[in-house]
Amino acid sequence: NIADVLHLKGVDLGLSRTDVMSHLAATNEFGGNIKGRITYIAKIY
């Protein structure tokens, strides 16, 4: 879902998890500066 929010046309929002996002920030698997390219609206559950 993070890859889809970053790259798929027409995808506005996505549901993901904190461990996934922390991993992507540490490894740059989806490109650098992911913390500047993704914002969060809320931790939901």
All heavy atoms as atom14 arrays in JSON, in Angstrom:
{
  "sequence": "NIADVLHLKGVDLGLSRTDVMSHLAATNEFGGNIKGRITYIAKIY",
  "atom14_mask": [
    [1, 1, 1, 1, 1, 1, 1, 1, 0, 0, 0, 0, 0, 0],
    [1, 1, 1, 1, 1, 1, 1, 1, 0, 0, 0, 0, 0, 0],
    [1, 1, 1, 1, 1, 0, 0, 0, 0, 0, 0, 0, 0, 0],
    [1, 1, 1, 1, 1, 1, 1, 1, 0, 0, 0, 0, 0, 0],
    [1, 1, 1, 1, 1, 1, 1, 0, 0, 0, 0, 0, 0, 0],
    [1, 1, 1, 1, 1, 1, 1, 1, 0, 0, 0, 0, 0, 0],
    [1, 1, 1, 1, 1, 1, 1, 1, 1, 1, 0, 0, 0, 0],
    [1, 1, 1, 1, 1, 1, 1, 1, 0, 0, 0, 0, 0, 0],
    [1, 1, 1, 1, 1, 1, 1, 1, 1, 0, 0, 0, 0, 0],
    [1, 1, 1, 1, 0, 0, 0, 0, 0, 0, 0, 0, 0, 0],
    [1, 1, 1, 1, 1, 1, 1, 0, 0, 0, 0, 0, 0, 0],
    [1, 1, 1, 1, 1, 1, 1, 1, 0, 0, 0, 0, 0, 0],
    [1, 1, 1, 1, 1, 1, 1, 1, 0, 0, 0, 0, 0, 0],
    [1, 1, 1, 1, 0, 0, 0, 0, 0, 0, 0, 0, 0, 0],
    [1, 1, 1, 1, 1, 1, 1, 1, 0, 0, 0, 0, 0, 0],
    [1, 1, 1, 1, 1, 1, 0, 0, 0, 0, 0, 0, 0, 0],
    [1, 1, 1, 1, 1, 1, 1, 1, 1, 1, 1, 0, 0, 0],
    [1, 1, 1, 1, 1, 1, 1, 0, 0, 0, 0, 0, 0, 0],
    [1, 1, 1, 1, 1, 1, 1, 1, 0, 0, 0, 0, 0, 0],
    [1, 1, 1, 1, 1, 1, 1, 0, 0, 0, 0, 0, 0, 0],
    [1, 1, 1, 1, 1, 1, 1, 1, 0, 0, 0, 0, 0, 0],
    [1, 1, 1, 1, 1, 1, 0, 0, 0, 0, 0, 0, 0, 0],
    [1, 1, 1, 1, 1, 1, 1, 1, 1, 1, 0, 0, 0, 0],
    [1, 1, 1, 1, 1, 1, 1, 1, 0, 0, 0, 0, 0, 0],
    [1, 1, 1, 1, 1, 0, 0, 0, 0, 0, 0, 0, 0, 0],
    [1, 1, 1, 1, 1, 0, 0, 0, 0, 0, 0, 0, 0, 0],
    [1, 1, 1, 1, 1, 1, 1, 0, 0, 0, 0, 0, 0, 0],
    [1, 1, 1, 1, 1, 1, 1, 1, 0, 0, 0, 0, 0, 0],
    [1, 1, 1, 1, 1, 1, 1, 1, 1, 0, 0, 0, 0, 0],
    [1, 1, 1, 1, 1, 1, 1, 1, 1, 1, 1, 0, 0, 0],
    [1, 1, 1, 1, 0, 0, 0, 0, 0, 0, 0, 0, 0, 0],
    [1, 1, 1, 1, 0, 0, 0, 0, 0, 0, 0, 0, 0, 0],
    [1, 1, 1, 1, 1, 1, 1, 1, 0, 0, 0, 0, 0, 0],
    [1, 1, 1, 1, 1, 1, 1, 1, 0, 0, 0, 0, 0, 0],
    [1, 1, 1, 1, 1, 1, 1, 1, 1, 0, 0, 0, 0, 0],
    [1, 1, 1, 1, 0, 0, 0, 0, 0, 0, 0, 0, 0, 0],
    [1, 1, 1, 1, 1, 1, 1, 1, 1, 1, 1, 0, 0, 0],
    [1, 1, 1, 1, 1, 1, 1, 1, 0, 0, 0, 0, 0, 0],
    [1, 1, 1, 1, 1, 1, 1, 0, 0, 0, 0, 0, 0, 0],
    [1, 1, 1, 1, 1, 1, 1, 1, 1, 1, 1, 1, 0, 0],
    [1, 1, 1, 1, 1, 1, 1, 1, 0, 0, 0, 0, 0, 0],
    [1, 1, 1, 1, 1, 0, 0, 0, 0, 0, 0, 0, 0, 0],
    [1, 1, 1, 1, 1, 1, 1, 1, 1, 0, 0, 0, 0, 0],
    [1, 1, 1, 1, 1, 1, 1, 1, 0, 0, 0, 0, 0, 0],
    [1, 1, 1, 1, 1, 1, 1, 1, 1, 1, 1, 1, 0, 0]
  ],
  "atom14_positions": [
    [[0.82, -1.21, 0.0], [0.0, 0.0, 0.0], [0.85, 1.27, 0.0], [0.46, 2.28, -0.58], [-0.94, 0.01, 1.2], [-2.09, -0.96, 1.04], [-2.24, -1.6, 0.0], [-2.91, -1.09, 2.06], [0.0, 0.0, 0.0], [0.0, 0.0, 0.0], [0.0, 0.0, 0.0], [0.0, 0.0, 0.0], [0.0, 0.0, 0.0], [0.0, 0.0, 0.0]],
    [[2.02, 1.22, 0.66], [2.9, 2.39, 0.66], [3.42, 2.66, -0.75], [3.46, 3.81, -1.21], [4.07, 2.21, 1.64], [3.55, 2.12, 3.07], [5.06, 3.36, 1.51], [2.89, 3.38, 3.57], [0.0, 0.0, 0.0], [0.0, 0.0, 0.0], [0.0, 0.0, 0.0], [0.0, 0.0, 0.0], [0.0, 0.0, 0.0], [0.0, 0.0, 0.0]],
    [[3.8, 1.6, -1.46], [4.24, 1.76, -2.85], [3.12, 2.33, -3.71], [3.36, 3.17, -4.58], [4.71, 0.41, -3.41], [0.0, 0.0, 0.0], [0.0, 0.0, 0.0], [0.0, 0.0, 0.0], [0.0, 0.0, 0.0], [0.0, 0.0, 0.0], [0.0, 0.0, 0.0], [0.0, 0.0, 0.0], [0.0, 0.0, 0.0], [0.0, 0.0, 0.0]],
    [[1.88, 1.91, -3.45], [0.75, 2.39, -4.24], [0.48, 3.87, -3.98], [0.2, 4.64, -4.9], [-0.5, 1.57, -3.92], [-0.38, 0.13, -4.39], [0.48, -0.13, -5.26], [-1.13, -0.73, -3.88], [0.0, 0.0, 0.0], [0.0, 0.0, 0.0], [0.0, 0.0, 0.0], [0.0, 0.0, 0.0], [0.0, 0.0, 0.0], [0.0, 0.0, 0.0]],
    [[0.56, 4.29, -2.72], [0.36, 5.71, -2.39], [1.46, 6.55, -3.03], [1.21, 7.66, -3.52], [0.34, 5.92, -0.86], [0.37, 7.4, -0.51], [-0.91, 5.28, -0.26], [0.0, 0.0, 0.0], [0.0, 0.0, 0.0], [0.0, 0.0, 0.0], [0.0, 0.0, 0.0], [0.0, 0.0, 0.0], [0.0, 0.0, 0.0], [0.0, 0.0, 0.0]],
    [[2.67, 6.02, -3.07], [3.8, 6.76, -3.63], [3.75, 6.86, -5.15], [4.12, 7.89, -5.73], [5.12, 6.11, -3.22], [5.58, 6.31, -1.78], [6.76, 5.41, -1.48], [5.93, 7.76, -1.52], [0.0, 0.0, 0.0], [0.0, 0.0, 0.0], [0.0, 0.0, 0.0], [0.0, 0.0, 0.0], [0.0, 0.0, 0.0], [0.0, 0.0, 0.0]],
    [[3.26, 5.79, -5.83], [3.48, 5.71, -7.27], [2.23, 5.51, -8.13], [2.25, 5.87, -9.31], [4.45, 4.57, -7.57], [5.78, 4.71, -6.89], [6.65, 5.74, -7.16], [6.38, 3.95, -5.93], [7.74, 5.62, -6.41], [7.6, 4.56, -5.65], [0.0, 0.0, 0.0], [0.0, 0.0, 0.0], [0.0, 0.0, 0.0], [0.0, 0.0, 0.0]],
    [[1.16, 4.96, -7.59], [-0.01, 4.67, -8.43], [-0.85, 5.93, -8.63], [-1.2, 6.61, -7.66], [-0.88, 3.58, -7.81], [-0.52, 2.13, -8.11], [-1.6, 1.21, -7.56], [-0.33, 1.89, -9.6], [0.0, 0.0, 0.0], [0.0, 0.0, 0.0], [0.0, 0.0, 0.0], [0.0, 0.0, 0.0], [0.0, 0.0, 0.0], [0.0, 0.0, 0.0]],
    [[-1.19, 6.22, -9.88], [-2.06, 7.36, -10.17], [-3.45, 7.09, -9.6], [-3.99, 6.0, -9.74], [-2.15, 7.59, -11.67], [-0.84, 8.02, -12.32], [-1.0, 8.22, -13.82], [0.31, 8.68, -14.45], [0.18, 8.86, -15.92], [0.0, 0.0, 0.0], [0.0, 0.0, 0.0], [0.0, 0.0, 0.0], [0.0, 0.0, 0.0], [0.0, 0.0, 0.0]],
    [[-4.02, 8.1, -8.98], [-5.39, 7.97, -8.49], [-5.51, 7.42, -7.09], [-6.62, 7.35, -6.56], [0.0, 0.0, 0.0], [0.0, 0.0, 0.0], [0.0, 0.0, 0.0], [0.0, 0.0, 0.0], [0.0, 0.0, 0.0], [0.0, 0.0, 0.0], [0.0, 0.0, 0.0], [0.0, 0.0, 0.0], [0.0, 0.0, 0.0], [0.0, 0.0, 0.0]],
    [[-4.41, 7.01, -6.44], [-4.49, 6.53, -5.06], [-4.2, 7.7, -4.13], [-3.1, 8.26, -4.14], [-3.49, 5.39, -4.81], [-3.48, 5.01, -3.34], [-3.84, 4.17, -5.66], [0.0, 0.0, 0.0], [0.0, 0.0, 0.0], [0.0, 0.0, 0.0], [0.0, 0.0, 0.0], [0.0, 0.0, 0.0], [0.0, 0.0, 0.0], [0.0, 0.0, 0.0]],
    [[-5.2, 8.09, -3.33], [-5.07, 9.26, -2.46], [-4.64, 8.89, -1.04], [-3.81, 9.57, -0.44], [-6.4, 10.02, -2.39], [-6.8, 10.56, -3.75], [-6.03, 11.36, -4.31], [-7.86, 10.16, -4.26], [0.0, 0.0, 0.0], [0.0, 0.0, 0.0], [0.0, 0.0, 0.0], [0.0, 0.0, 0.0], [0.0, 0.0, 0.0], [0.0, 0.0, 0.0]],
    [[-5.24, 7.83, -0.5], [-4.98, 7.42, 0.87], [-4.63, 5.94, 0.91], [-4.97, 5.19, -0.01], [-6.21, 7.66, 1.75], [-6.79, 9.06, 1.78], [-8.12, 9.06, 2.54], [-5.81, 10.03, 2.44], [0.0, 0.0, 0.0], [0.0, 0.0, 0.0], [0.0, 0.0, 0.0], [0.0, 0.0, 0.0], [0.0, 0.0, 0.0], [0.0, 0.0, 0.0]],
    [[-3.97, 5.52, 1.98], [-3.65, 4.11, 2.14], [-3.6, 3.73, 3.6], [-3.34, 4.56, 4.48], [0.0, 0.0, 0.0], [0.0, 0.0, 0.0], [0.0, 0.0, 0.0], [0.0, 0.0, 0.0], [0.0, 0.0, 0.0], [0.0, 0.0, 0.0], [0.0, 0.0, 0.0], [0.0, 0.0, 0.0], [0.0, 0.0, 0.0], [0.0, 0.0, 0.0]],
    [[-3.86, 2.45, 3.87], [-3.74, 1.89, 5.21], [-2.45, 1.09, 5.29], [-2.18, 0.25, 4.43], [-4.94, 1.0, 5.52], [-6.27, 1.74, 5.71], [-7.45, 0.8, 5.55], [-6.31, 2.42, 7.07], [0.0, 0.0, 0.0], [0.0, 0.0, 0.0], [0.0, 0.0, 0.0], [0.0, 0.0, 0.0], [0.0, 0.0, 0.0], [0.0, 0.0, 0.0]],
    [[-1.64, 1.37, 6.31], [-0.37, 0.66, 6.46], [-0.09, 0.46, 7.94], [-0.99, 0.61, 8.79], [0.76, 1.44, 5.78], [1.94, 0.67, 5.73], [0.0, 0.0, 0.0], [0.0, 0.0, 0.0], [0.0, 0.0, 0.0], [0.0, 0.0, 0.0], [0.0, 0.0, 0.0], [0.0, 0.0, 0.0], [0.0, 0.0, 0.0], [0.0, 0.0, 0.0]],
    [[1.17, 0.1, 8.26], [1.54, -0.19, 9.64], [2.83, 0.5, 10.02], [3.69, 0.76, 9.18], [1.68, -1.7, 9.83], [0.36, -2.43, 9.79], [0.43, -3.68, 10.64], [1.26, -4.7, 10.06], [0.81, -5.67, 9.27], [-0.46, -5.71, 8.95], [1.63, -6.57, 8.81], [0.0, 0.0, 0.0], [0.0, 0.0, 0.0], [0.0, 0.0, 0.0]],
    [[2.98, 0.73, 11.31], [4.15, 1.45, 11.8], [5.45, 0.69, 11.56], [6.48, 1.29, 11.27], [4.0, 1.75, 13.3], [3.74, 0.53, 14.01], [2.85, 2.71, 13.53], [0.0, 0.0, 0.0], [0.0, 0.0, 0.0], [0.0, 0.0, 0.0], [0.0, 0.0, 0.0], [0.0, 0.0, 0.0], [0.0, 0.0, 0.0], [0.0, 0.0, 0.0]],
    [[5.43, -0.65, 11.7], [6.67, -1.41, 11.49], [7.1, -1.37, 10.03], [8.3, -1.29, 9.72], [6.54, -2.85, 11.99], [5.47, -3.65, 11.27], [4.57, -3.04, 10.64], [5.49, -4.9, 11.35], [0.0, 0.0, 0.0], [0.0, 0.0, 0.0], [0.0, 0.0, 0.0], [0.0, 0.0, 0.0], [0.0, 0.0, 0.0], [0.0, 0.0, 0.0]],
    [[6.13, -1.4, 9.11], [6.43, -1.32, 7.68], [7.06, 0.03, 7.35], [8.1, 0.11, 6.66], [5.16, -1.53, 6.83], [5.42, -1.21, 5.37], [4.65, -2.96, 6.98], [0.0, 0.0, 0.0], [0.0, 0.0, 0.0], [0.0, 0.0, 0.0], [0.0, 0.0, 0.0], [0.0, 0.0, 0.0], [0.0, 0.0, 0.0], [0.0, 0.0, 0.0]],
    [[6.46, 1.09, 7.86], [6.95, 2.43, 7.54], [8.33, 2.69, 8.14], [9.19, 3.3, 7.51], [5.93, 3.47, 8.0], [4.61, 3.36, 7.24], [3.31, 4.47, 7.85], [4.0, 6.06, 7.42], [0.0, 0.0, 0.0], [0.0, 0.0, 0.0], [0.0, 0.0, 0.0], [0.0, 0.0, 0.0], [0.0, 0.0, 0.0], [0.0, 0.0, 0.0]],
    [[8.56, 2.2, 9.35], [9.88, 2.35, 9.96], [10.93, 1.59, 9.16], [12.05, 2.08, 8.97], [9.84, 1.84, 11.41], [8.96, 2.61, 12.2], [0.0, 0.0, 0.0], [0.0, 0.0, 0.0], [0.0, 0.0, 0.0], [0.0, 0.0, 0.0], [0.0, 0.0, 0.0], [0.0, 0.0, 0.0], [0.0, 0.0, 0.0], [0.0, 0.0, 0.0]],
    [[10.57, 0.43, 8.69], [11.5, -0.37, 7.88], [11.84, 0.34, 6.57], [13.01, 0.41, 6.17], [10.87, -1.73, 7.58], [11.61, -2.54, 6.57], [12.74, -3.27, 6.87], [11.39, -2.72, 5.23], [13.18, -3.87, 5.78], [12.39, -3.56, 4.78], [0.0, 0.0, 0.0], [0.0, 0.0, 0.0], [0.0, 0.0, 0.0], [0.0, 0.0, 0.0]],
    [[10.84, 0.89, 5.91], [11.07, 1.57, 4.64], [11.92, 2.83, 4.82], [12.72, 3.17, 3.96], [9.73, 1.92, 3.98], [8.88, 0.73, 3.55], [7.52, 1.2, 3.04], [9.59, -0.08, 2.46], [0.0, 0.0, 0.0], [0.0, 0.0, 0.0], [0.0, 0.0, 0.0], [0.0, 0.0, 0.0], [0.0, 0.0, 0.0], [0.0, 0.0, 0.0]],
    [[11.73, 3.5, 5.94], [12.54, 4.68, 6.22], [13.99, 4.31, 6.45], [14.91, 5.06, 6.08], [11.99, 5.42, 7.44], [0.0, 0.0, 0.0], [0.0, 0.0, 0.0], [0.0, 0.0, 0.0], [0.0, 0.0, 0.0], [0.0, 0.0, 0.0], [0.0, 0.0, 0.0], [0.0, 0.0, 0.0], [0.0, 0.0, 0.0], [0.0, 0.0, 0.0]],
    [[14.23, 3.15, 7.05], [15.59, 2.72, 7.37], [16.32, 2.13, 6.16], [17.54, 2.23, 6.05], [15.57, 1.7, 8.51], [0.0, 0.0, 0.0], [0.0, 0.0, 0.0], [0.0, 0.0, 0.0], [0.0, 0.0, 0.0], [0.0, 0.0, 0.0], [0.0, 0.0, 0.0], [0.0, 0.0, 0.0], [0.0, 0.0, 0.0], [0.0, 0.0, 0.0]],
    [[15.56, 1.52, 5.24], [16.19, 0.79, 4.13], [16.14, 1.52, 2.79], [16.86, 1.15, 1.86], [15.51, -0.58, 3.95], [14.11, -0.36, 3.62], [15.6, -1.4, 5.23], [0.0, 0.0, 0.0], [0.0, 0.0, 0.0], [0.0, 0.0, 0.0], [0.0, 0.0, 0.0], [0.0, 0.0, 0.0], [0.0, 0.0, 0.0], [0.0, 0.0, 0.0]],
    [[15.25, 2.52, 2.65], [15.07, 3.24, 1.38], [14.62, 2.31, 0.25], [14.91, 2.57, -0.92], [16.35, 3.98, 0.97], [16.7, 5.11, 1.92], [15.82, 5.73, 2.49], [17.99, 5.36, 2.08], [0.0, 0.0, 0.0], [0.0, 0.0, 0.0], [0.0, 0.0, 0.0], [0.0, 0.0, 0.0], [0.0, 0.0, 0.0], [0.0, 0.0, 0.0]],
    [[13.91, 1.25, 0.59], [13.46, 0.3, -0.44], [12.54, 0.96, -1.47], [12.53, 0.56, -2.64], [12.73, -0.88, 0.22], [13.66, -1.84, 0.93], [12.92, -3.02, 1.53], [11.76, -3.26, 1.12], [13.48, -3.69, 2.4], [0.0, 0.0, 0.0], [0.0, 0.0, 0.0], [0.0, 0.0, 0.0], [0.0, 0.0, 0.0], [0.0, 0.0, 0.0]],
    [[11.78, 1.94, -1.06], [10.89, 2.65, -1.98], [11.43, 4.04, -2.31], [10.69, 4.93, -2.69], [9.48, 2.77, -1.39], [8.75, 1.46, -1.29], [7.63, 1.33, -0.5], [9.19, 0.33, -1.98], [6.94, 0.13, -0.41], [8.53, -0.88, -1.89], [7.4, -0.99, -1.1], [0.0, 0.0, 0.0], [0.0, 0.0, 0.0], [0.0, 0.0, 0.0]],
    [[12.73, 4.21, -2.19], [13.36, 5.48, -2.48], [13.66, 6.26, -1.22], [13.13, 5.98, -0.14], [0.0, 0.0, 0.0], [0.0, 0.0, 0.0], [0.0, 0.0, 0.0], [0.0, 0.0, 0.0], [0.0, 0.0, 0.0], [0.0, 0.0, 0.0], [0.0, 0.0, 0.0], [0.0, 0.0, 0.0], [0.0, 0.0, 0.0], [0.0, 0.0, 0.0]],
    [[14.56, 7.23, -1.35], [14.97, 8.02, -0.21], [13.94, 9.04, 0.22], [12.96, 9.3, -0.47], [0.0, 0.0, 0.0], [0.0, 0.0, 0.0], [0.0, 0.0, 0.0], [0.0, 0.0, 0.0], [0.0, 0.0, 0.0], [0.0, 0.0, 0.0], [0.0, 0.0, 0.0], [0.0, 0.0, 0.0], [0.0, 0.0, 0.0], [0.0, 0.0, 0.0]],
    [[14.16, 9.6, 1.4], [13.32, 10.66, 1.96], [11.84, 10.29, 2.01], [10.96, 11.1, 1.72], [13.49, 11.96, 1.16], [12.82, 13.16, 1.85], [12.78, 13.22, 3.08], [12.29, 14.08, 1.07], [0.0, 0.0, 0.0], [0.0, 0.0, 0.0], [0.0, 0.0, 0.0], [0.0, 0.0, 0.0], [0.0, 0.0, 0.0], [0.0, 0.0, 0.0]],
    [[11.55, 9.06, 2.39], [10.15, 8.64, 2.43], [9.37, 9.41, 3.5], [8.16, 9.64, 3.37], [10.04, 7.12, 2.66], [8.59, 6.66, 2.4], [10.5, 6.73, 4.05], [8.42, 5.16, 2.37], [0.0, 0.0, 0.0], [0.0, 0.0, 0.0], [0.0, 0.0, 0.0], [0.0, 0.0, 0.0], [0.0, 0.0, 0.0], [0.0, 0.0, 0.0]],
    [[10.06, 9.85, 4.55], [9.38, 10.62, 5.59], [8.96, 12.01, 5.09], [8.08, 12.64, 5.68], [10.28, 10.77, 6.82], [10.44, 9.47, 7.61], [11.21, 9.71, 8.9], [11.29, 8.44, 9.72], [11.99, 8.64, 11.01], [0.0, 0.0, 0.0], [0.0, 0.0, 0.0], [0.0, 0.0, 0.0], [0.0, 0.0, 0.0], [0.0, 0.0, 0.0]],
    [[9.59, 12.46, 4.01], [9.19, 13.72, 3.4], [8.15, 13.53, 2.32], [7.5, 14.5, 1.9], [0.0, 0.0, 0.0], [0.0, 0.0, 0.0], [0.0, 0.0, 0.0], [0.0, 0.0, 0.0], [0.0, 0.0, 0.0], [0.0, 0.0, 0.0], [0.0, 0.0, 0.0], [0.0, 0.0, 0.0], [0.0, 0.0, 0.0], [0.0, 0.0, 0.0]],
    [[7.96, 12.3, 1.86], [7.02, 12.02, 0.77], [5.69, 11.45, 1.25], [4.71, 11.46, 0.51], [7.67, 11.05, -0.22], [8.91, 11.64, -0.91], [9.87, 10.54, -1.37], [9.26, 9.63, -2.3], [9.64, 8.35, -2.47], [10.63, 7.87, -1.72], [9.05, 7.59, -3.34], [0.0, 0.0, 0.0], [0.0, 0.0, 0.0], [0.0, 0.0, 0.0]],
    [[5.67, 10.95, 2.48], [4.46, 10.36, 3.06], [4.1, 11.11, 4.33], [4.96, 11.39, 5.17], [4.68, 8.87, 3.39], [4.8, 8.04, 2.11], [3.54, 8.33, 4.25], [3.49, 7.81, 1.38], [0.0, 0.0, 0.0], [0.0, 0.0, 0.0], [0.0, 0.0, 0.0], [0.0, 0.0, 0.0], [0.0, 0.0, 0.0], [0.0, 0.0, 0.0]],
    [[2.83, 11.45, 4.49], [2.34, 12.02, 5.74], [1.32, 11.06, 6.35], [0.69, 10.27, 5.62], [1.68, 13.39, 5.52], [0.54, 13.23, 4.65], [2.65, 14.38, 4.91], [0.0, 0.0, 0.0], [0.0, 0.0, 0.0], [0.0, 0.0, 0.0], [0.0, 0.0, 0.0], [0.0, 0.0, 0.0], [0.0, 0.0, 0.0], [0.0, 0.0, 0.0]],
    [[1.14, 11.14, 7.64], [0.1, 10.31, 8.26], [-1.03, 11.21, 8.76], [-0.81, 12.36, 9.17], [0.67, 9.45, 9.39], [0.95, 10.15, 10.7], [0.04, 10.07, 11.76], [2.12, 10.88, 10.88], [0.3, 10.71, 12.96], [2.38, 11.51, 12.08], [1.47, 11.42, 13.12], [1.72, 12.05, 14.32], [0.0, 0.0, 0.0], [0.0, 0.0, 0.0]],
    [[-2.23, 10.69, 8.66], [-3.41, 11.4, 9.13], [-3.71, 11.03, 10.58], [-3.97, 11.89, 11.41], [-4.61, 11.11, 8.22], [-4.34, 11.66, 6.83], [-5.91, 11.68, 8.8], [-5.32, 11.2, 5.78], [0.0, 0.0, 0.0], [0.0, 0.0, 0.0], [0.0, 0.0, 0.0], [0.0, 0.0, 0.0], [0.0, 0.0, 0.0], [0.0, 0.0, 0.0]],
    [[-3.64, 9.72, 10.87], [-3.89, 9.27, 12.23], [-3.43, 7.83, 12.4], [-3.45, 7.05, 11.45], [-5.37, 9.38, 12.59], [0.0, 0.0, 0.0], [0.0, 0.0, 0.0], [0.0, 0.0, 0.0], [0.0, 0.0, 0.0], [0.0, 0.0, 0.0], [0.0, 0.0, 0.0], [0.0, 0.0, 0.0], [0.0, 0.0, 0.0], [0.0, 0.0, 0.0]],
    [[-2.99, 7.51, 13.61], [-2.85, 6.11, 14.01], [-4.25, 5.65, 14.4], [-4.9, 6.28, 15.23], [-1.89, 5.97, 15.18], [-0.43, 6.25, 14.82], [0.47, 6.18, 16.04], [0.53, 4.78, 16.62], [1.47, 4.69, 17.77], [0.0, 0.0, 0.0], [0.0, 0.0, 0.0], [0.0, 0.0, 0.0], [0.0, 0.0, 0.0], [0.0, 0.0, 0.0]],
    [[-4.72, 4.58, 13.79], [-6.14, 4.28, 13.94], [-6.47, 3.08, 14.83], [-7.52, 3.08, 15.48], [-6.82, 4.12, 12.56], [-6.03, 3.17, 11.66], [-6.98, 5.47, 11.89], [-6.69, 2.93, 10.33], [0.0, 0.0, 0.0], [0.0, 0.0, 0.0], [0.0, 0.0, 0.0], [0.0, 0.0, 0.0], [0.0, 0.0, 0.0], [0.0, 0.0, 0.0]],
    [[-5.63, 2.06, 14.89], [-5.93, 0.94, 15.78], [-4.72, 0.01, 15.81], [-3.69, 0.28, 15.19], [-7.18, 0.18, 15.32], [-7.05, -0.51, 13.98], [-6.64, -1.84, 13.89], [-7.34, 0.16, 12.8], [-6.51, -2.47, 12.65], [-7.22, -0.46, 11.57], [-6.81, -1.77, 11.51], [-6.69, -2.4, 10.29], [0.0, 0.0, 0.0], [0.0, 0.0, 0.0]]
  ]
}
